[in-house]
PDB file of N, CA and C in Angstrom:
ATOM      1  N   MET A   1       7.473  37.463  27.727  1.00  0.00           N
ATOM      2  CA  MET A   1       6.518  37.597  27.814  1.00  0.00           C
ATOM      3  C   MET A   1       5.976  38.670  26.905  1.00  0.00           C
ATOM      4  N   GLU A   2       4.338  38.429  26.447  1.00  0.00           N
ATOM      5  CA  GLU A   2       3.529  39.460  25.334  1.00  0.00           C
ATOM      6  C   GLU A   2       2.431  39.871  25.457  1.00  0.00           C
ATOM      7  N   LEU A   3       2.722  40.654  24.858  1.00  0.00           N
ATOM      8  CA  LEU A   3       1.133  41.984  25.508  1.00  0.00           C
ATOM      9  C   LEU A   3       0.928  42.505  24.548  1.00  0.00           C
ATOM     10  N   LYS A   4      -0.216  42.458  24.563  1.00  0.00           N
ATOM     11  CA  LYS A   4      -1.517  43.020  23.705  1.00  0.00           C
ATOM     12  C   LYS A   4      -1.945  44.642  24.229  1.00  0.00           C
ATOM     13  N   PHE A   5      -1.868  45.507  23.880  1.00  0.00           N
ATOM     14  CA  PHE A   5      -2.409  46.930  25.047  1.00  0.00           C
ATOM     15  C   PHE A   5      -3.069  47.167  23.532  1.00  0.00           C
ATOM     16  N   LYS A   6      -4.578  47.520  23.821  1.00  0.00           N
ATOM     17  CA  LYS A   6      -5.559  48.506  23.312  1.00  0.00           C
ATOM     18  C   LYS A   6      -4.846  49.845  23.790  1.00  0.00           C
ATOM     19  N   THR A   7      -4.725  50.802  22.690  1.00  0.00           N
ATOM     20  CA  THR A   7      -4.566  52.440  23.240  1.00  0.00           C
ATOM     21  C   THR A   7      -5.743  52.810  23.064  1.00  0.00           C
ATOM     22  N   GLU A   8      -6.016  54.323  23.561  1.00  0.00           N
ATOM     23  CA  GLU A   8      -6.816  55.043  24.335  1.00  0.00           C
ATOM     24  C   GLU A   8      -6.685  56.642  23.475  1.00  0.00           C
ATOM     25  N   GLY A   9      -7.396  57.047  22.337  1.00  0.00           N
ATOM     26  CA  GLY A   9      -6.695  58.122  21.962  1.00  0.00           C
ATOM     27  C   GLY A   9      -5.278  58.834  20.961  1.00  0.00           C
ATOM     28  N   THR A  10      -5.586  57.944  20.591  1.00  0.00           N
ATOM     29  CA  THR A  10      -4.782  57.788  19.807  1.00  0.00           C
ATOM     30  C   THR A  10      -4.749  57.582  18.561  1.00  0.00           C
ATOM     31  N   CYS A  11      -3.897  57.451  17.341  1.00  0.00           N
ATOM     32  CA  CYS A  11      -4.353  56.483  15.818  1.00  0.00           C
ATOM     33  C   CYS A  11      -3.588  56.062  16.051  1.00  0.00           C
ATOM     34  N   ALA A  12      -2.946  55.056  16.427  1.00  0.00           N
ATOM     35  CA  ALA A  12      -2.504  53.650  16.571  1.00  0.00           C
ATOM     36  C   ALA A  12      -3.629  52.878  17.801  1.00  0.00           C
ATOM     37  N   LYS A  13      -4.301  52.185  17.090  1.00  0.00           N
ATOM     38  CA  LYS A  13      -5.034  51.324  17.858  1.00  0.00           C
ATOM     39  C   LYS A  13      -4.582  50.235  18.324  1.00  0.00           C
ATOM     40  N   GLU A  14      -3.757  49.854  18.483  1.00  0.00           N
ATOM     41  CA  GLU A  14      -3.208  48.436  19.434  1.00  0.00           C
ATOM     42  C   GLU A  14      -1.381  48.619  19.046  1.00  0.00           C
ATOM     43  N   ILE A  15      -0.918  47.584  20.627  1.00  0.00           N
ATOM     44  CA  ILE A  15       0.398  48.044  20.531  1.00  0.00           C
ATOM     45  C   ILE A  15       1.088  46.992  20.955  1.00  0.00           C
ATOM     46  N   LEU A  16       1.538  45.847  20.452  1.00  0.00           N
ATOM     47  CA  LEU A  16       2.268  44.362  20.407  1.00  0.00           C
ATOM     48  C   LEU A  16       4.148  44.394  21.514  1.00  0.00           C
ATOM     49  N   ILE A  17       3.820  44.288  22.602  1.00  0.00           N
ATOM     50  CA  ILE A  17       5.532  44.226  22.869  1.00  0.00           C
ATOM     51  C   ILE A  17       5.564  43.032  23.375  1.00  0.00           C
ATOM     52  N   LYS A  18       6.631  42.727  23.603  1.00  0.00           N
ATOM     53  CA  LYS A  18       7.693  41.900  23.775  1.00  0.00           C
ATOM     54  C   LYS A  18       8.552  41.969  24.375  1.00  0.00           C
ATOM     55  N   VAL A  19       8.453  41.424  26.263  1.00  0.00           N
ATOM     56  CA  VAL A  19       9.043  41.705  27.186  1.00  0.00           C
ATOM     57  C   VAL A  19      10.135  40.613  27.552  1.00  0.00           C
ATOM     58  N   ASN A  20      11.666  40.460  27.586  1.00  0.00           N
ATOM     59  CA  ASN A  20      12.522  39.572  28.379  1.00  0.00           C
ATOM     60  C   ASN A  20      13.178  39.961  29.374  1.00  0.00           C
ATOM     61  N   GLY A  21      12.957  39.578  30.500  1.00  0.00           N
ATOM     62  CA  GLY A  21      14.211  39.796  31.736  1.00  0.00           C
ATOM     63  C   GLY A  21      13.493  41.065  31.623  1.00  0.00           C
ATOM     64  N   GLY A  22      13.232  42.260  31.800  1.00  0.00           N
ATOM     65  CA  GLY A  22      12.956  43.354  32.028  1.00  0.00           C
ATOM     66  C   GLY A  22      13.175  44.304  30.881  1.00  0.00           C
ATOM     67  N   ILE A  23      13.716  43.643  30.005  1.00  0.00           N
ATOM     68  CA  ILE A  23      14.351  43.965  28.449  1.00  0.00           C
ATOM     69  C   ILE A  23      13.311  44.653  27.523  1.00  0.00           C
ATOM     70  N   ILE A  24      12.936  45.819  26.859  1.00  0.00           N
ATOM     71  CA  ILE A  24      12.119  45.428  25.988  1.00  0.00           C
ATOM     72  C   ILE A  24      13.225  44.901  24.668  1.00  0.00           C
ATOM     73  N   GLU A  25      12.125  43.869  23.918  1.00  0.00           N
ATOM     74  CA  GLU A  25      12.524  42.733  22.983  1.00  0.00           C
ATOM     75  C   GLU A  25      12.073  43.211  21.436  1.00  0.00           C
ATOM     76  N   SER A  26      10.849  43.769  21.394  1.00  0.00           N
ATOM     77  CA  SER A  26       9.748  43.720  20.480  1.00  0.00           C
ATOM     78  C   SER A  26       8.557  44.855  20.368  1.00  0.00           C
ATOM     79  N   VAL A  27       8.440  46.261  19.947  1.00  0.00           N
ATOM     80  CA  VAL A  27       7.428  46.851  19.461  1.00  0.00           C
ATOM     81  C   VAL A  27       6.501  47.027  18.401  1.00  0.00           C
ATOM     82  N   GLU A  28       5.414  47.271  17.967  1.00  0.00           N
ATOM     83  CA  GLU A  28       5.425  47.043  17.015  1.00  0.00           C
ATOM     84  C   GLU A  28       3.283  47.971  17.504  1.00  0.00           C
ATOM     85  N   PHE A  29       3.415  48.905  16.954  1.00  0.00           N
ATOM     86  CA  PHE A  29       2.162  49.680  17.020  1.00  0.00           C
ATOM     87  C   PHE A  29       1.117  48.922  15.786  1.00  0.00           C
ATOM     88  N   ILE A  30      -0.244  48.870  15.766  1.00  0.00           N
ATOM     89  CA  ILE A  30      -0.621  48.764  15.150  1.00  0.00           C
ATOM     90  C   ILE A  30      -1.735  50.111  14.609  1.00  0.00           C
ATOM     91  N   SER A  31      -1.369  50.673  13.484  1.00  0.00           N
ATOM     92  CA  SER A  31      -2.157  51.954  12.870  1.00  0.00           C
ATOM     93  C   SER A  31      -0.941  52.902  13.086  1.00  0.00           C
ATOM     94  N   GLY A  32      -1.407  53.966  12.964  1.00  0.00           N
ATOM     95  CA  GLY A  32      -0.856  55.493  14.127  1.00  0.00           C
ATOM     96  C   GLY A  32       0.166  55.996  12.565  1.00  0.00           C
ATOM     97  N   CYS A  33       1.181  56.899  12.650  1.00  0.00           N
ATOM     98  CA  CYS A  33       1.969  57.469  11.988  1.00  0.00           C
ATOM     99  C   CYS A  33       3.121  57.025  12.126  1.00  0.00           C
ATOM    100  N   LYS A  34       3.399  56.072  10.440  1.00  0.00           N
ATOM    101  CA  LYS A  34       4.050  55.261  10.352  1.00  0.00           C
ATOM    102  C   LYS A  34       5.050  55.603  10.842  1.00  0.00           C
ATOM    103  N   GLY A  35       5.819  56.818  10.242  1.00  0.00           N
ATOM    104  CA  GLY A  35       7.965  56.594  10.546  1.00  0.00           C
ATOM    105  C   GLY A  35       8.108  57.379  12.021  1.00  0.00           C
ATOM    106  N   ASN A  36       6.988  57.286  12.604  1.00  0.00           N
ATOM    107  CA  ASN A  36       7.084  58.140  14.170  1.00  0.00           C
ATOM    108  C   ASN A  36       6.387  56.850  14.551  1.00  0.00           C
ATOM    109  N   VAL A  37       5.933  55.918  14.598  1.00  0.00           N
ATOM    110  CA  VAL A  37       5.804  54.709  15.878  1.00  0.00           C
ATOM    111  C   VAL A  37       6.590  53.882  15.248  1.00  0.00           C
ATOM    112  N   GLN A  38       7.580  53.287  14.095  1.00  0.00           N
ATOM    113  CA  GLN A  38       8.306  52.629  13.815  1.00  0.00           C
ATOM    114  C   GLN A  38       9.809  53.509  14.638  1.00  0.00           C
ATOM    115  N   GLY A  39      10.181  54.901  14.915  1.00  0.00           N
ATOM    116  CA  GLY A  39      11.286  55.443  15.627  1.00  0.00           C
ATOM    117  C   GLY A  39      10.867  55.353  16.542  1.00  0.00           C
ATOM    118  N   ILE A  40       9.519  55.044  17.622  1.00  0.00           N
ATOM    119  CA  ILE A  40       9.934  54.979  18.425  1.00  0.00           C
ATOM    120  C   ILE A  40      10.117  53.908  19.295  1.00  0.00           C
ATOM    121  N   ALA A  41       9.121  52.583  18.115  1.00  0.00           N
ATOM    122  CA  ALA A  41       9.839  51.317  18.468  1.00  0.00           C
ATOM    123  C   ALA A  41      11.282  50.920  18.252  1.00  0.00           C
ATOM    124  N   GLN A  42      11.761  51.296  17.515  1.00  0.00           N
ATOM    125  CA  GLN A  42      13.612  51.328  17.297  1.00  0.00           C
ATOM    126  C   GLN A  42      13.982  51.715  18.541  1.00  0.00           C
ATOM    127  N   LEU A  43      13.752  52.902  19.036  1.00  0.00           N
ATOM    128  CA  LEU A  43      14.724  53.532  19.817  1.00  0.00           C
ATOM    129  C   LEU A  43      13.932  52.616  21.506  1.00  0.00           C
ATOM    130  N   VAL A  44      13.149  52.298  21.478  1.00  0.00           N
ATOM    131  CA  VAL A  44      12.882  51.484  22.929  1.00  0.00           C
ATOM    132  C   VAL A  44      13.284  49.287  23.301  1.00  0.00           C
ATOM    133  N   ILE A  45      13.737  49.299  21.881  1.00  0.00           N
ATOM    134  CA  ILE A  45      14.247  47.760  21.874  1.00  0.00           C
ATOM    135  C   ILE A  45      15.701  47.907  22.580  1.00  0.00           C
ATOM    136  N   GLY A  46      15.974  47.100  22.936  1.00  0.00           N
ATOM    137  CA  GLY A  46      16.950  46.775  24.132  1.00  0.00           C
ATOM    138  C   GLY A  46      16.860  47.542  25.279  1.00  0.00           C
ATOM    139  N   ARG A  47      15.756  48.384  25.560  1.00  0.00           N
ATOM    140  CA  ARG A  47      16.236  49.354  26.864  1.00  0.00           C
ATOM    141  C   ARG A  47      14.946  48.464  27.663  1.00  0.00           C
ATOM    142  N   PRO A  48      15.434  49.110  29.232  1.00  0.00           N
ATOM    143  CA  PRO A  48      15.024  48.323  30.431  1.00  0.00           C
ATOM    144  C   PRO A  48      13.464  48.812  30.366  1.00  0.00           C
ATOM    145  N   VAL A  49      13.141  48.211  30.756  1.00  0.00           N
ATOM    146  CA  VAL A  49      10.900  49.094  30.831  1.00  0.00           C
ATOM    147  C   VAL A  49      10.713  49.888  31.498  1.00  0.00           C
ATOM    148  N   GLU A  50      11.646  49.795  32.801  1.00  0.00           N
ATOM    149  CA  GLU A  50      11.353  51.282  33.413  1.00  0.00           C
ATOM    150  C   GLU A  50      11.664  51.985  33.027  1.00  0.00           C
ATOM    151  N   GLU A  51      13.150  52.400  32.557  1.00  0.00           N
ATOM    152  CA  GLU A  51      13.992  53.519  31.434  1.00  0.00           C
ATOM    153  C   GLU A  51      12.628  53.913  30.671  1.00  0.00           C
ATOM    154  N   VAL A  52      11.753  53.560  29.583  1.00  0.00           N
ATOM    155  CA  VAL A  52      11.319  53.723  28.930  1.00  0.00           C
ATOM    156  C   VAL A  52       9.935  54.245  29.343  1.00  0.00           C
ATOM    157  N   ILE A  53       9.331  53.420  30.632  1.00  0.00           N
ATOM    158  CA  ILE A  53       8.264  54.208  31.000  1.00  0.00           C
ATOM    159  C   ILE A  53       8.592  55.604  31.643  1.00  0.00           C
ATOM    160  N   ASP A  54       9.979  56.339  32.025  1.00  0.00           N
ATOM    161  CA  ASP A  54      10.177  56.918  33.221  1.00  0.00           C
ATOM    162  C   ASP A  54      10.153  58.037  31.677  1.00  0.00           C
ATOM    163  N   ARG A  55      11.275  57.617  30.611  1.00  0.00           N
ATOM    164  CA  ARG A  55      11.106  58.532  29.762  1.00  0.00           C
ATOM    165  C   ARG A  55       9.928  59.540  28.888  1.00  0.00           C
ATOM    166  N   LEU A  56       9.302  58.411  28.541  1.00  0.00           N
ATOM    167  CA  LEU A  56       7.843  58.139  27.829  1.00  0.00           C
ATOM    168  C   LEU A  56       6.694  59.181  28.466  1.00  0.00           C
ATOM    169  N   LYS A  57       6.190  58.898  29.722  1.00  0.00           N
ATOM    170  CA  LYS A  57       4.813  59.008  30.538  1.00  0.00           C
ATOM    171  C   LYS A  57       4.636  60.381  30.567  1.00  0.00           C
ATOM    172  N   GLY A  58       3.297  60.709  29.987  1.00  0.00           N
ATOM    173  CA  GLY A  58       3.404  62.022  30.246  1.00  0.00           C
ATOM    174  C   GLY A  58       2.961  62.652  28.833  1.00  0.00           C
ATOM    175  N   ILE A  59       3.844  62.473  28.205  1.00  0.00           N
ATOM    176  CA  ILE A  59       4.084  62.596  26.747  1.00  0.00           C
ATOM    177  C   ILE A  59       2.839  63.101  26.013  1.00  0.00           C
ATOM    178  N   GLU A  60       2.589  64.283  25.539  1.00  0.00           N
ATOM    179  CA  GLU A  60       0.763  64.273  25.179  1.00  0.00           C
ATOM    180  C   GLU A  60       1.187  64.627  23.188  1.00  0.00           C
ATOM    181  N   CYS A  61       0.549  64.382  22.852  1.00  0.00           N
ATOM    182  CA  CYS A  61       0.148  65.080  21.091  1.00  0.00           C
ATOM    183  C   CYS A  61      -1.299  65.158  21.567  1.00  0.00           C
ATOM    184  N   ARG A  62      -2.339  64.634  21.662  1.00  0.00           N
ATOM    185  CA  ARG A  62      -4.004  65.046  21.760  1.00  0.00           C
ATOM    186  C   ARG A  62      -4.562  64.182  22.499  1.00  0.00           C
ATOM    187  N   ASN A  63      -5.819  64.693  23.049  1.00  0.00           N
ATOM    188  CA  ASN A  63      -6.233  63.896  23.910  1.00  0.00           C
ATOM    189  C   ASN A  63      -5.931  63.624  25.135  1.00  0.00           C
ATOM    190  N   GLY A  64      -4.853  64.100  25.667  1.00  0.00           N
ATOM    191  CA  GLY A  64      -3.978  64.679  26.631  1.00  0.00           C
ATOM    192  C   GLY A  64      -3.352  63.526  26.597  1.00  0.00           C
ATOM    193  N   THR A  65      -2.579  62.496  25.452  1.00  0.00           N
ATOM    194  CA  THR A  65      -1.923  61.376  25.796  1.00  0.00           C
ATOM    195  C   THR A  65      -1.745  61.320  24.417  1.00  0.00           C
ATOM    196  N   SER A  66      -0.677  60.509  24.061  1.00  0.00           N
ATOM    197  CA  SER A  66       0.376  60.377  22.599  1.00  0.00           C
ATOM    198  C   SER A  66       0.418  59.083  22.572  1.00  0.00           C
ATOM    199  N   CYS A  67       0.995  58.233  21.691  1.00  0.00           N
ATOM    200  CA  CYS A  67       1.677  57.457  21.504  1.00  0.00           C
ATOM    201  C   CYS A  67       3.325  56.600  21.972  1.00  0.00           C
ATOM    202  N   PRO A  68       3.738  57.417  22.490  1.00  0.00           N
ATOM    203  CA  PRO A  68       4.897  57.273  23.247  1.00  0.00           C
ATOM    204  C   PRO A  68       4.409  57.132  24.824  1.00  0.00           C
ATOM    205  N   ASP A  69       3.184  57.708  25.335  1.00  0.00           N
ATOM    206  CA  ASP A  69       2.681  57.835  25.925  1.00  0.00           C
ATOM    207  C   ASP A  69       2.021  56.736  26.666  1.00  0.00           C
ATOM    208  N   GLN A  70       1.473  56.370  25.902  1.00  0.00           N
ATOM    209  CA  GLN A  70       0.326  54.799  25.297  1.00  0.00           C
ATOM    210  C   GLN A  70       1.291  53.581  25.365  1.00  0.00           C
ATOM    211  N   LEU A  71       2.410  53.806  24.465  1.00  0.00           N
ATOM    212  CA  LEU A  71       3.673  52.494  25.073  1.00  0.00           C
ATOM    213  C   LEU A  71       3.772  52.638  26.913  1.00  0.00           C
ATOM    214  N   ALA A  72       4.202  53.823  27.508  1.00  0.00           N
ATOM    215  CA  ALA A  72       4.357  53.715  28.912  1.00  0.00           C
ATOM    216  C   ALA A  72       3.676  52.991  29.578  1.00  0.00           C
ATOM    217  N   LYS A  73       2.047  53.757  29.206  1.00  0.00           N
ATOM    218  CA  LYS A  73       1.052  52.629  30.377  1.00  0.00           C
ATOM    219  C   LYS A  73       0.991  51.483  29.851  1.00  0.00           C
ATOM    220  N   ALA A  74       1.430  50.850  28.548  1.00  0.00           N
ATOM    221  CA  ALA A  74       1.005  49.364  28.154  1.00  0.00           C
ATOM    222  C   ALA A  74       2.425  49.200  29.017  1.00  0.00           C
ATOM    223  N   LEU A  75       3.827  49.355  29.066  1.00  0.00           N
ATOM    224  CA  LEU A  75       4.711  48.586  29.960  1.00  0.00           C
ATOM    225  C   LEU A  75       4.508  49.300  31.437  1.00  0.00           C
ATOM    226  N   SER A  76       3.765  49.644  31.863  1.00  0.00           N
ATOM    227  CA  SER A  76       3.770  50.090  33.331  1.00  0.00           C
ATOM    228  C   SER A  76       2.421  48.661  33.378  1.00  0.00           C
ATOM    229  N   ASP A  77       1.881  48.207  32.699  1.00  0.00           N
ATOM    230  CA  ASP A  77       1.170  46.628  33.069  1.00  0.00           C
ATOM    231  C   ASP A  77       1.979  45.498  33.196  1.00  0.00           C
ATOM    232  N   VAL A  78       3.255  45.495  32.176  1.00  0.00           N
ATOM    233  CA  VAL A  78       4.311  44.369  32.576  1.00  0.00           C
ATOM    234  C   VAL A  78       5.084  44.494  33.805  1.00  0.00           C
ATOM    235  N   SER A  79       5.395  46.010  34.310  1.00  0.00           N
ATOM    236  CA  SER A  79       5.905  46.278  35.602  1.00  0.00           C
ATOM    237  C   SER A  79       5.321  45.816  36.851  1.00  0.00           C
ATOM    238  N   ALA A  80       3.789  46.316  36.673  1.00  0.00           N
ATOM    239  CA  ALA A  80       3.333  46.265  38.030  1.00  0.00           C
ATOM    240  C   ALA A  80       3.289  44.484  38.554  1.00  0.00           C
TER     241      ALA A  80
END
């Protein structure tokens, strides 16, 4: 399954995600702080969707959200 998620309240504008069998295969943030979003993406590849949601949901940077929090929201759409 491929997902394109428009973010809100972050420097990243969009997240492209591939999930197969409940496991994250790839994540690409469009814009954002390059090193941080690349690091987040690499850390979640190969992990179960539910685990990533549990770990990243609610992390704040500014505007009451963050790139990790927006990734958790995007993945919540996949798991719903």
